[in-house]
């Protein structure tokens, strides 16, 4: 399974990205990522979860998951993240931040 994540927007307009491949993660991390995708009902989500009200300083998330022959991209406004989806977003944000720390070292 391959997961691509991008967060854009916010007051500073910073962009965070991460690409995760379960074949390159530890078995424990790969299992955790698979569980988060499953719990989020990722492949059952609509492709766009957007707010009807605009907000210039809100974050936008884009998550793309490739699993076998299935590929799905979901775009989500910060204010519309489903409760079951939030742990996946948190995990992906933590992955982005961890990679930034490694690059700075």
PDB file of N, CA and C in Angstrom:
ATOM      1  N   UNK A   1       0.847  -1.173   0.000  1.00  0.00           N
ATOM      2  CA  UNK A   1       0.000   0.000   0.000  1.00  0.00           C
ATOM      3  C   UNK A   1       0.892   1.235   0.000  1.00  0.00           C
ATOM      4  N   UNK A   2       0.530   2.194  -0.818  1.00  0.00           N
ATOM      5  CA  UNK A   2       1.256   3.455  -0.882  1.00  0.00           C
ATOM      6  C   UNK A   2       0.286   4.573  -0.534  1.00  0.00           C
ATOM      7  N   UNK A   3       0.735   5.494   0.321  1.00  0.00           N
ATOM      8  CA  UNK A   3      -0.095   6.617   0.750  1.00  0.00           C
ATOM      9  C   UNK A   3       0.665   7.910   0.495  1.00  0.00           C
ATOM     10  N   UNK A   4       0.029   8.817  -0.230  1.00  0.00           N
ATOM     11  CA  UNK A   4       0.587  10.150  -0.453  1.00  0.00           C
ATOM     12  C   UNK A   4      -0.290  11.144   0.289  1.00  0.00           C
ATOM     13  N   UNK A   5       0.363  12.065   0.992  1.00  0.00           N
ATOM     14  CA  UNK A   5      -0.352  13.031   1.819  1.00  0.00           C
ATOM     15  C   UNK A   5       0.192  14.420   1.554  1.00  0.00           C
ATOM     16  N   UNK A   6      -0.700  15.391   1.517  1.00  0.00           N
ATOM     17  CA  UNK A   6      -0.302  16.786   1.364  1.00  0.00           C
ATOM     18  C   UNK A   6      -1.248  17.654   2.187  1.00  0.00           C
ATOM     19  N   UNK A   7      -0.654  18.552   2.974  1.00  0.00           N
ATOM     20  CA  UNK A   7      -1.443  19.546   3.701  1.00  0.00           C
ATOM     21  C   UNK A   7      -1.019  20.917   3.194  1.00  0.00           C
ATOM     22  N   UNK A   8      -1.998  21.712   2.788  1.00  0.00           N
ATOM     23  CA  UNK A   8      -1.730  23.069   2.325  1.00  0.00           C
ATOM     24  C   UNK A   8      -2.612  24.040   3.097  1.00  0.00           C
ATOM     25  N   UNK A   9      -2.335  25.331   2.916  1.00  0.00           N
ATOM     26  CA  UNK A   9      -3.159  26.362   3.540  1.00  0.00           C
ATOM     27  C   UNK A   9      -2.639  26.767   4.893  1.00  0.00           C
ATOM     28  N   UNK A  10      -3.531  27.251   5.712  1.00  0.00           N
ATOM     29  CA  UNK A  10      -3.146  27.761   7.017  1.00  0.00           C
ATOM     30  C   UNK A  10      -2.679  29.206   6.902  1.00  0.00           C
ATOM     31  N   UNK A  11      -2.475  29.843   8.032  1.00  0.00           N
ATOM     32  CA  UNK A  11      -2.076  31.247   8.062  1.00  0.00           C
ATOM     33  C   UNK A  11      -0.753  31.460   7.333  1.00  0.00           C
ATOM     34  N   UNK A  12       0.217  30.586   7.577  1.00  0.00           N
ATOM     35  CA  UNK A  12       1.539  30.736   6.959  1.00  0.00           C
ATOM     36  C   UNK A  12       1.604  30.153   5.554  1.00  0.00           C
ATOM     37  N   UNK A  13       0.593  29.417   5.164  1.00  0.00           N
ATOM     38  CA  UNK A  13       0.589  28.831   3.824  1.00  0.00           C
ATOM     39  C   UNK A  13       1.631  27.749   3.624  1.00  0.00           C
ATOM     40  N   UNK A  14       2.038  27.108   4.704  1.00  0.00           N
ATOM     41  CA  UNK A  14       3.057  26.066   4.588  1.00  0.00           C
ATOM     42  C   UNK A  14       2.472  24.805   3.964  1.00  0.00           C
ATOM     43  N   UNK A  15       3.345  24.066   3.328  1.00  0.00           N
ATOM     44  CA  UNK A  15       2.959  22.821   2.657  1.00  0.00           C
ATOM     45  C   UNK A  15       3.743  21.680   3.305  1.00  0.00           C
ATOM     46  N   UNK A  16       3.018  20.670   3.756  1.00  0.00           N
ATOM     47  CA  UNK A  16       3.642  19.467   4.302  1.00  0.00           C
ATOM     48  C   UNK A  16       3.273  18.295   3.406  1.00  0.00           C
ATOM     49  N   UNK A  17       4.256  17.461   3.085  1.00  0.00           N
ATOM     50  CA  UNK A  17       3.976  16.292   2.257  1.00  0.00           C
ATOM     51  C   UNK A  17       4.685  15.072   2.821  1.00  0.00           C
ATOM     52  N   UNK A  18       4.114  13.933   2.534  1.00  0.00           N
ATOM     53  CA  UNK A  18       4.737  12.660   2.904  1.00  0.00           C
ATOM     54  C   UNK A  18       4.242  11.592   1.943  1.00  0.00           C
ATOM     55  N   UNK A  19       5.132  10.665   1.634  1.00  0.00           N
ATOM     56  CA  UNK A  19       4.769   9.474   0.877  1.00  0.00           C
ATOM     57  C   UNK A  19       5.194   8.281   1.711  1.00  0.00           C
ATOM     58  N   UNK A  20       4.247   7.417   2.014  1.00  0.00           N
ATOM     59  CA  UNK A  20       4.521   6.233   2.823  1.00  0.00           C
ATOM     60  C   UNK A  20       4.208   4.990   2.009  1.00  0.00           C
ATOM     61  N   UNK A  21       5.079   4.010   2.112  1.00  0.00           N
ATOM     62  CA  UNK A  21       4.891   2.730   1.426  1.00  0.00           C
ATOM     63  C   UNK A  21       5.002   1.641   2.484  1.00  0.00           C
ATOM     64  N   UNK A  22       3.963   0.845   2.635  1.00  0.00           N
ATOM     65  CA  UNK A  22       3.966  -0.171   3.690  1.00  0.00           C
ATOM     66  C   UNK A  22       5.100  -1.171   3.518  1.00  0.00           C
ATOM     67  N   UNK A  23       5.610  -1.328   2.310  1.00  0.00           N
ATOM     68  CA  UNK A  23       6.731  -2.249   2.102  1.00  0.00           C
ATOM     69  C   UNK A  23       8.036  -1.688   2.647  1.00  0.00           C
ATOM     70  N   UNK A  24       8.081  -0.388   2.902  1.00  0.00           N
ATOM     71  CA  UNK A  24       9.293   0.244   3.428  1.00  0.00           C
ATOM     72  C   UNK A  24       9.178   0.601   4.903  1.00  0.00           C
ATOM     73  N   UNK A  25       8.005   0.405   5.470  1.00  0.00           N
ATOM     74  CA  UNK A  25       7.803   0.661   6.896  1.00  0.00           C
ATOM     75  C   UNK A  25       8.083  -0.604   7.688  1.00  0.00           C
ATOM     76  N   UNK A  26       8.299  -0.437   8.986  1.00  0.00           N
ATOM     77  CA  UNK A  26       8.421  -1.613   9.848  1.00  0.00           C
ATOM     78  C   UNK A  26       7.083  -2.351   9.819  1.00  0.00           C
ATOM     79  N   UNK A  27       7.086  -3.645  10.122  1.00  0.00           N
ATOM     80  CA  UNK A  27       5.812  -4.379  10.133  1.00  0.00           C
ATOM     81  C   UNK A  27       4.766  -3.744  11.053  1.00  0.00           C
ATOM     82  N   UNK A  28       5.211  -3.228  12.205  1.00  0.00           N
ATOM     83  CA  UNK A  28       4.278  -2.607  13.147  1.00  0.00           C
ATOM     84  C   UNK A  28       3.675  -1.329  12.563  1.00  0.00           C
ATOM     85  N   UNK A  29       4.523  -0.492  11.947  1.00  0.00           N
ATOM     86  CA  UNK A  29       4.027   0.755  11.359  1.00  0.00           C
ATOM     87  C   UNK A  29       3.143   0.480  10.150  1.00  0.00           C
ATOM     88  N   UNK A  30       3.490  -0.519   9.359  1.00  0.00           N
ATOM     89  CA  UNK A  30       2.667  -0.884   8.198  1.00  0.00           C
ATOM     90  C   UNK A  30       1.288  -1.343   8.658  1.00  0.00           C
ATOM     91  N   UNK A  31       1.239  -2.158   9.710  1.00  0.00           N
ATOM     92  CA  UNK A  31      -0.047  -2.613  10.255  1.00  0.00           C
ATOM     93  C   UNK A  31      -0.859  -1.439  10.796  1.00  0.00           C
ATOM     94  N   UNK A  32      -0.174  -0.539  11.473  1.00  0.00           N
ATOM     95  CA  UNK A  32      -0.864   0.636  12.025  1.00  0.00           C
ATOM     96  C   UNK A  32      -1.477   1.476  10.904  1.00  0.00           C
ATOM     97  N   UNK A  33      -0.719   1.716   9.853  1.00  0.00           N
ATOM     98  CA  UNK A  33      -1.225   2.510   8.735  1.00  0.00           C
ATOM     99  C   UNK A  33      -2.418   1.822   8.071  1.00  0.00           C
ATOM    100  N   UNK A  34      -2.322   0.526   7.876  1.00  0.00           N
ATOM    101  CA  UNK A  34      -3.443  -0.223   7.282  1.00  0.00           C
ATOM    102  C   UNK A  34      -4.705  -0.123   8.151  1.00  0.00           C
ATOM    103  N   UNK A  35      -4.522  -0.229   9.466  1.00  0.00           N
ATOM    104  CA  UNK A  35      -5.667  -0.117  10.386  1.00  0.00           C
ATOM    105  C   UNK A  35      -6.300   1.274  10.318  1.00  0.00           C
ATOM    106  N   UNK A  36      -5.463   2.302  10.248  1.00  0.00           N
ATOM    107  CA  UNK A  36      -5.980   3.669  10.173  1.00  0.00           C
ATOM    108  C   UNK A  36      -6.764   3.899   8.878  1.00  0.00           C
ATOM    109  N   UNK A  37      -6.259   3.358   7.773  1.00  0.00           N
ATOM    110  CA  UNK A  37      -6.969   3.459   6.487  1.00  0.00           C
ATOM    111  C   UNK A  37      -8.315   2.738   6.592  1.00  0.00           C
ATOM    112  N   UNK A  38      -8.301   1.566   7.196  1.00  0.00           N
ATOM    113  CA  UNK A  38      -9.527   0.782   7.348  1.00  0.00           C
ATOM    114  C   UNK A  38     -10.534   1.482   8.261  1.00  0.00           C
ATOM    115  N   UNK A  39     -10.068   1.970   9.413  1.00  0.00           N
ATOM    116  CA  UNK A  39     -10.936   2.650  10.371  1.00  0.00           C
ATOM    117  C   UNK A  39     -11.551   3.912   9.770  1.00  0.00           C
ATOM    118  N   UNK A  40     -10.795   4.590   8.914  1.00  0.00           N
ATOM    119  CA  UNK A  40     -11.295   5.801   8.257  1.00  0.00           C
ATOM    120  C   UNK A  40     -12.300   5.486   7.156  1.00  0.00           C
ATOM    121  N   UNK A  41     -12.479   4.187   6.861  1.00  0.00           N
ATOM    122  CA  UNK A  41     -13.351   3.780   5.738  1.00  0.00           C
ATOM    123  C   UNK A  41     -12.946   4.552   4.486  1.00  0.00           C
ATOM    124  N   UNK A  42     -11.631   4.618   4.282  1.00  0.00           N
ATOM    125  CA  UNK A  42     -11.073   5.490   3.252  1.00  0.00           C
ATOM    126  C   UNK A  42     -11.703   5.273   1.882  1.00  0.00           C
ATOM    127  N   UNK A  43     -11.783   4.034   1.446  1.00  0.00           N
ATOM    128  CA  UNK A  43     -12.279   3.767   0.096  1.00  0.00           C
ATOM    129  C   UNK A  43     -13.789   3.987  -0.037  1.00  0.00           C
ATOM    130  N   UNK A  44     -14.479   4.203   1.084  1.00  0.00           N
ATOM    131  CA  UNK A  44     -15.910   4.504   1.057  1.00  0.00           C
ATOM    132  C   UNK A  44     -16.201   6.002   1.155  1.00  0.00           C
ATOM    133  N   UNK A  45     -15.163   6.812   1.387  1.00  0.00           N
ATOM    134  CA  UNK A  45     -15.353   8.256   1.521  1.00  0.00           C
ATOM    135  C   UNK A  45     -15.607   8.892   0.151  1.00  0.00           C
ATOM    136  N   UNK A  46     -16.329  10.026   0.127  1.00  0.00           N
ATOM    137  CA  UNK A  46     -16.437  10.768  -1.129  1.00  0.00           C
ATOM    138  C   UNK A  46     -15.068  11.340  -1.496  1.00  0.00           C
ATOM    139  N   UNK A  47     -14.873  11.686  -2.748  1.00  0.00           N
ATOM    140  CA  UNK A  47     -13.572  12.207  -3.179  1.00  0.00           C
ATOM    141  C   UNK A  47     -13.323  13.627  -2.696  1.00  0.00           C
ATOM    142  N   UNK A  48     -14.359  14.313  -2.267  1.00  0.00           N
ATOM    143  CA  UNK A  48     -14.210  15.686  -1.802  1.00  0.00           C
ATOM    144  C   UNK A  48     -15.106  15.926  -0.597  1.00  0.00           C
ATOM    145  N   UNK A  49     -14.491  16.399   0.474  1.00  0.00           N
ATOM    146  CA  UNK A  49     -15.224  16.790   1.679  1.00  0.00           C
ATOM    147  C   UNK A  49     -14.905  18.261   1.919  1.00  0.00           C
ATOM    148  N   UNK A  50     -15.703  19.131   1.342  1.00  0.00           N
ATOM    149  CA  UNK A  50     -15.447  20.569   1.381  1.00  0.00           C
ATOM    150  C   UNK A  50     -16.520  21.280   2.184  1.00  0.00           C
ATOM    151  N   UNK A  51     -16.110  22.352   2.845  1.00  0.00           N
ATOM    152  CA  UNK A  51     -17.031  23.178   3.606  1.00  0.00           C
ATOM    153  C   UNK A  51     -17.771  24.124   2.665  1.00  0.00           C
ATOM    154  N   UNK A  52     -19.000  24.448   3.011  1.00  0.00           N
ATOM    155  CA  UNK A  52     -19.760  25.407   2.209  1.00  0.00           C
ATOM    156  C   UNK A  52     -19.335  26.846   2.505  1.00  0.00           C
ATOM    157  N   UNK A  53     -18.607  27.040   3.609  1.00  0.00           N
ATOM    158  CA  UNK A  53     -18.088  28.366   3.934  1.00  0.00           C
ATOM    159  C   UNK A  53     -16.590  28.380   3.707  1.00  0.00           C
ATOM    160  N   UNK A  54     -16.097  29.489   3.180  1.00  0.00           N
ATOM    161  CA  UNK A  54     -14.661  29.573   2.900  1.00  0.00           C
ATOM    162  C   UNK A  54     -13.921  30.040   4.140  1.00  0.00           C
ATOM    163  N   UNK A  55     -12.654  29.727   4.159  1.00  0.00           N
ATOM    164  CA  UNK A  55     -11.782  30.149   5.242  1.00  0.00           C
ATOM    165  C   UNK A  55     -10.353  30.163   4.744  1.00  0.00           C
ATOM    166  N   UNK A  56      -9.811  31.350   4.546  1.00  0.00           N
ATOM    167  CA  UNK A  56      -8.488  31.473   3.937  1.00  0.00           C
ATOM    168  C   UNK A  56      -7.391  30.830   4.771  1.00  0.00           C
ATOM    169  N   UNK A  57      -7.584  30.772   6.082  1.00  0.00           N
ATOM    170  CA  UNK A  57      -6.521  30.236   6.928  1.00  0.00           C
ATOM    171  C   UNK A  57      -6.748  28.781   7.326  1.00  0.00           C
ATOM    172  N   UNK A  58      -7.684  28.108   6.707  1.00  0.00           N
ATOM    173  CA  UNK A  58      -7.928  26.695   7.004  1.00  0.00           C
ATOM    174  C   UNK A  58      -6.954  25.811   6.233  1.00  0.00           C
ATOM    175  N   UNK A  59      -6.689  24.672   6.824  1.00  0.00           N
ATOM    176  CA  UNK A  59      -5.864  23.689   6.130  1.00  0.00           C
ATOM    177  C   UNK A  59      -6.723  22.858   5.192  1.00  0.00           C
ATOM    178  N   UNK A  60      -6.101  22.418   4.122  1.00  0.00           N
ATOM    179  CA  UNK A  60      -6.715  21.462   3.210  1.00  0.00           C
ATOM    180  C   UNK A  60      -5.807  20.239   3.176  1.00  0.00           C
ATOM    181  N   UNK A  61      -6.413  19.077   3.173  1.00  0.00           N
ATOM    182  CA  UNK A  61      -5.672  17.824   3.140  1.00  0.00           C
ATOM    183  C   UNK A  61      -6.005  17.075   1.862  1.00  0.00           C
ATOM    184  N   UNK A  62      -4.982  16.461   1.313  1.00  0.00           N
ATOM    185  CA  UNK A  62      -5.181  15.580   0.161  1.00  0.00           C
ATOM    186  C   UNK A  62      -4.504  14.258   0.493  1.00  0.00           C
ATOM    187  N   UNK A  63      -5.271  13.189   0.458  1.00  0.00           N
ATOM    188  CA  UNK A  63      -4.749  11.857   0.767  1.00  0.00           C
ATOM    189  C   UNK A  63      -5.056  10.950  -0.418  1.00  0.00           C
ATOM    190  N   UNK A  64      -4.007  10.312  -0.937  1.00  0.00           N
ATOM    191  CA  UNK A  64      -4.164   9.357  -2.034  1.00  0.00           C
ATOM    192  C   UNK A  64      -3.654   8.010  -1.552  1.00  0.00           C
ATOM    193  N   UNK A  65      -4.458   6.980  -1.734  1.00  0.00           N
ATOM    194  CA  UNK A  65      -4.076   5.630  -1.319  1.00  0.00           C
ATOM    195  C   UNK A  65      -4.128   4.712  -2.528  1.00  0.00           C
ATOM    196  N   UNK A  66      -3.021   3.991  -2.723  1.00  0.00           N
ATOM    197  CA  UNK A  66      -2.948   2.944  -3.747  1.00  0.00           C
ATOM    198  C   UNK A  66      -2.840   1.614  -3.025  1.00  0.00           C
ATOM    199  N   UNK A  67      -3.788   0.745  -3.278  1.00  0.00           N
ATOM    200  CA  UNK A  67      -3.766  -0.585  -2.672  1.00  0.00           C
ATOM    201  C   UNK A  67      -4.165  -1.581  -3.752  1.00  0.00           C
ATOM    202  N   UNK A  68      -3.188  -2.355  -4.213  1.00  0.00           N
ATOM    203  CA  UNK A  68      -3.458  -3.272  -5.312  1.00  0.00           C
ATOM    204  C   UNK A  68      -3.876  -2.488  -6.541  1.00  0.00           C
ATOM    205  N   UNK A  69      -5.026  -2.823  -7.094  1.00  0.00           N
ATOM    206  CA  UNK A  69      -5.506  -2.122  -8.281  1.00  0.00           C
ATOM    207  C   UNK A  69      -6.445  -0.961  -7.934  1.00  0.00           C
ATOM    208  N   UNK A  70      -6.600  -0.672  -6.643  1.00  0.00           N
ATOM    209  CA  UNK A  70      -7.454   0.445  -6.216  1.00  0.00           C
ATOM    210  C   UNK A  70      -6.608   1.682  -5.958  1.00  0.00           C
ATOM    211  N   UNK A  71      -7.048   2.800  -6.507  1.00  0.00           N
ATOM    212  CA  UNK A  71      -6.412   4.090  -6.247  1.00  0.00           C
ATOM    213  C   UNK A  71      -7.528   5.087  -5.959  1.00  0.00           C
ATOM    214  N   UNK A  72      -7.383   5.797  -4.849  1.00  0.00           N
ATOM    215  CA  UNK A  72      -8.401   6.794  -4.509  1.00  0.00           C
ATOM    216  C   UNK A  72      -7.742   8.009  -3.896  1.00  0.00           C
ATOM    217  N   UNK A  73      -8.219   9.185  -4.318  1.00  0.00           N
ATOM    218  CA  UNK A  73      -7.761  10.450  -3.745  1.00  0.00           C
ATOM    219  C   UNK A  73      -8.951  11.119  -3.072  1.00  0.00           C
ATOM    220  N   UNK A  74      -8.724  11.594  -1.840  1.00  0.00           N
ATOM    221  CA  UNK A  74      -9.750  12.307  -1.088  1.00  0.00           C
ATOM    222  C   UNK A  74      -9.186  13.671  -0.704  1.00  0.00           C
ATOM    223  N   UNK A  75      -9.935  14.723  -1.008  1.00  0.00           N
ATOM    224  CA  UNK A  75      -9.566  16.084  -0.624  1.00  0.00           C
ATOM    225  C   UNK A  75     -10.521  16.537   0.471  1.00  0.00           C
ATOM    226  N   UNK A  76      -9.945  17.068   1.559  1.00  0.00           N
ATOM    227  CA  UNK A  76     -10.746  17.376   2.747  1.00  0.00           C
ATOM    228  C   UNK A  76     -10.378  18.749   3.292  1.00  0.00           C
ATOM    229  N   UNK A  77     -11.387  19.561   3.581  1.00  0.00           N
ATOM    230  CA  UNK A  77     -11.169  20.798   4.323  1.00  0.00           C
ATOM    231  C   UNK A  77     -11.010  20.454   5.795  1.00  0.00           C
ATOM    232  N   UNK A  78     -10.175  21.224   6.464  1.00  0.00           N
ATOM    233  CA  UNK A  78      -9.924  21.015   7.890  1.00  0.00           C
ATOM    234  C   UNK A  78     -11.223  20.949   8.703  1.00  0.00           C
ATOM    235  N   UNK A  79     -12.195  21.754   8.347  1.00  0.00           N
ATOM    236  CA  UNK A  79     -13.438  21.812   9.120  1.00  0.00           C
ATOM    237  C   UNK A  79     -14.383  20.647   8.828  1.00  0.00           C
ATOM    238  N   UNK A  80     -14.032  19.802   7.857  1.00  0.00           N
ATOM    239  CA  UNK A  80     -14.927  18.708   7.447  1.00  0.00           C
ATOM    240  C   UNK A  80     -14.351  17.317   7.690  1.00  0.00           C
ATOM    241  N   UNK A  81     -13.261  17.230   8.427  1.00  0.00           N
ATOM    242  CA  UNK A  81     -12.630  15.926   8.640  1.00  0.00           C
ATOM    243  C   UNK A  81     -13.558  15.044   9.478  1.00  0.00           C
ATOM    244  N   UNK A  82     -13.976  13.894   8.942  1.00  0.00           N
ATOM    245  CA  UNK A  82     -14.820  12.988   9.728  1.00  0.00           C
ATOM    246  C   UNK A  82     -14.076  12.486  10.971  1.00  0.00           C
ATOM    247  N   UNK A  83     -14.809  12.246  12.025  1.00  0.00           N
ATOM    248  CA  UNK A  83     -14.204  11.782  13.285  1.00  0.00           C
ATOM    249  C   UNK A  83     -13.364  10.525  13.079  1.00  0.00           C
ATOM    250  N   UNK A  84     -13.842   9.607  12.252  1.00  0.00           N
ATOM    251  CA  UNK A  84     -13.106   8.359  12.024  1.00  0.00           C
ATOM    252  C   UNK A  84     -11.858   8.576  11.175  1.00  0.00           C
ATOM    253  N   UNK A  85     -11.783   9.708  10.497  1.00  0.00           N
ATOM    254  CA  UNK A  85     -10.661  10.032   9.615  1.00  0.00           C
ATOM    255  C   UNK A  85      -9.539  10.762  10.353  1.00  0.00           C
ATOM    256  N   UNK A  86      -9.875  11.434  11.470  1.00  0.00           N
ATOM    257  CA  UNK A  86      -8.905  12.276  12.172  1.00  0.00           C
ATOM    258  C   UNK A  86      -7.652  11.521  12.624  1.00  0.00           C
ATOM    259  N   UNK A  87      -7.741  10.297  13.156  1.00  0.00           N
ATOM    260  CA  UNK A  87      -6.510   9.596  13.534  1.00  0.00           C
ATOM    261  C   UNK A  87      -5.563   9.371  12.348  1.00  0.00           C
ATOM    262  N   UNK A  88      -6.101   9.131  11.161  1.00  0.00           N
ATOM    263  CA  UNK A  88      -5.259   8.978   9.970  1.00  0.00           C
ATOM    264  C   UNK A  88      -4.568  10.295   9.644  1.00  0.00           C
ATOM    265  N   UNK A  89      -5.303  11.399   9.668  1.00  0.00           N
ATOM    266  CA  UNK A  89      -4.706  12.719   9.411  1.00  0.00           C
ATOM    267  C   UNK A  89      -3.605  12.998  10.430  1.00  0.00           C
ATOM    268  N   UNK A  90      -3.866  12.736  11.702  1.00  0.00           N
ATOM    269  CA  UNK A  90      -2.863  12.966  12.751  1.00  0.00           C
ATOM    270  C   UNK A  90      -1.607  12.137  12.507  1.00  0.00           C
ATOM    271  N   UNK A  91      -1.782  10.884  12.149  1.00  0.00           N
ATOM    272  CA  UNK A  91      -0.647  10.002  11.872  1.00  0.00           C
ATOM    273  C   UNK A  91       0.169  10.540  10.695  1.00  0.00           C
ATOM    274  N   UNK A  92      -0.502  10.955   9.638  1.00  0.00           N
ATOM    275  CA  UNK A  92       0.198  11.462   8.457  1.00  0.00           C
ATOM    276  C   UNK A  92       0.910  12.779   8.754  1.00  0.00           C
ATOM    277  N   UNK A  93       0.288  13.641   9.547  1.00  0.00           N
ATOM    278  CA  UNK A  93       0.954  14.883   9.952  1.00  0.00           C
ATOM    279  C   UNK A  93       2.197  14.585  10.786  1.00  0.00           C
ATOM    280  N   UNK A  94       2.095  13.644  11.711  1.00  0.00           N
ATOM    281  CA  UNK A  94       3.260  13.244  12.510  1.00  0.00           C
ATOM    282  C   UNK A  94       4.369  12.709  11.614  1.00  0.00           C
ATOM    283  N   UNK A  95       4.009  11.959  10.585  1.00  0.00           N
ATOM    284  CA  UNK A  95       5.001  11.430   9.642  1.00  0.00           C
ATOM    285  C   UNK A  95       5.699  12.558   8.898  1.00  0.00           C
ATOM    286  N   UNK A  96       4.945  13.563   8.493  1.00  0.00           N
ATOM    287  CA  UNK A  96       5.530  14.726   7.813  1.00  0.00           C
ATOM    288  C   UNK A  96       6.524  15.435   8.724  1.00  0.00           C
ATOM    289  N   UNK A  97       6.109  15.673   9.941  1.00  0.00           N
ATOM    290  CA  UNK A  97       6.968  16.396  10.892  1.00  0.00           C
ATOM    291  C   UNK A  97       8.223  15.600  11.223  1.00  0.00           C
ATOM    292  N   UNK A  98       8.101  14.300  11.359  1.00  0.00           N
ATOM    293  CA  UNK A  98       9.263  13.457  11.647  1.00  0.00           C
ATOM    294  C   UNK A  98      10.255  13.516  10.493  1.00  0.00           C
ATOM    295  N   UNK A  99       9.773  13.504   9.265  1.00  0.00           N
ATOM    296  CA  UNK A  99      10.653  13.572   8.101  1.00  0.00           C
ATOM    297  C   UNK A  99      11.327  14.934   7.996  1.00  0.00           C
ATOM    298  N   UNK A 100      10.628  16.005   8.386  1.00  0.00           N
ATOM    299  CA  UNK A 100      11.234  17.334   8.378  1.00  0.00           C
ATOM    300  C   UNK A 100      12.387  17.404   9.369  1.00  0.00           C
ATOM    301  N   UNK A 101      12.205  16.803  10.549  1.00  0.00           N
ATOM    302  CA  UNK A 101      13.265  16.803  11.556  1.00  0.00           C
ATOM    303  C   UNK A 101      14.487  16.051  11.050  1.00  0.00           C
ATOM    304  N   UNK A 102      14.267  14.939  10.367  1.00  0.00           N
ATOM    305  CA  UNK A 102      15.380  14.153   9.829  1.00  0.00           C
ATOM    306  C   UNK A 102      16.130  14.963   8.780  1.00  0.00           C
ATOM    307  N   UNK A 103      15.425  15.675   7.917  1.00  0.00           N
ATOM    308  CA  UNK A 103      16.056  16.476   6.864  1.00  0.00           C
ATOM    309  C   UNK A 103      16.890  17.605   7.445  1.00  0.00           C
ATOM    310  N   UNK A 104      16.447  18.173   8.570  1.00  0.00           N
ATOM    311  CA  UNK A 104      17.171  19.285   9.194  1.00  0.00           C
ATOM    312  C   UNK A 104      18.432  18.826   9.903  1.00  0.00           C
ATOM    313  N   UNK A 105      18.482  17.566  10.281  1.00  0.00           N
ATOM    314  CA  UNK A 105      19.635  17.042  11.043  1.00  0.00           C
ATOM    315  C   UNK A 105      20.862  16.910  10.177  1.00  0.00           C
TER     316      UNK A 105
END
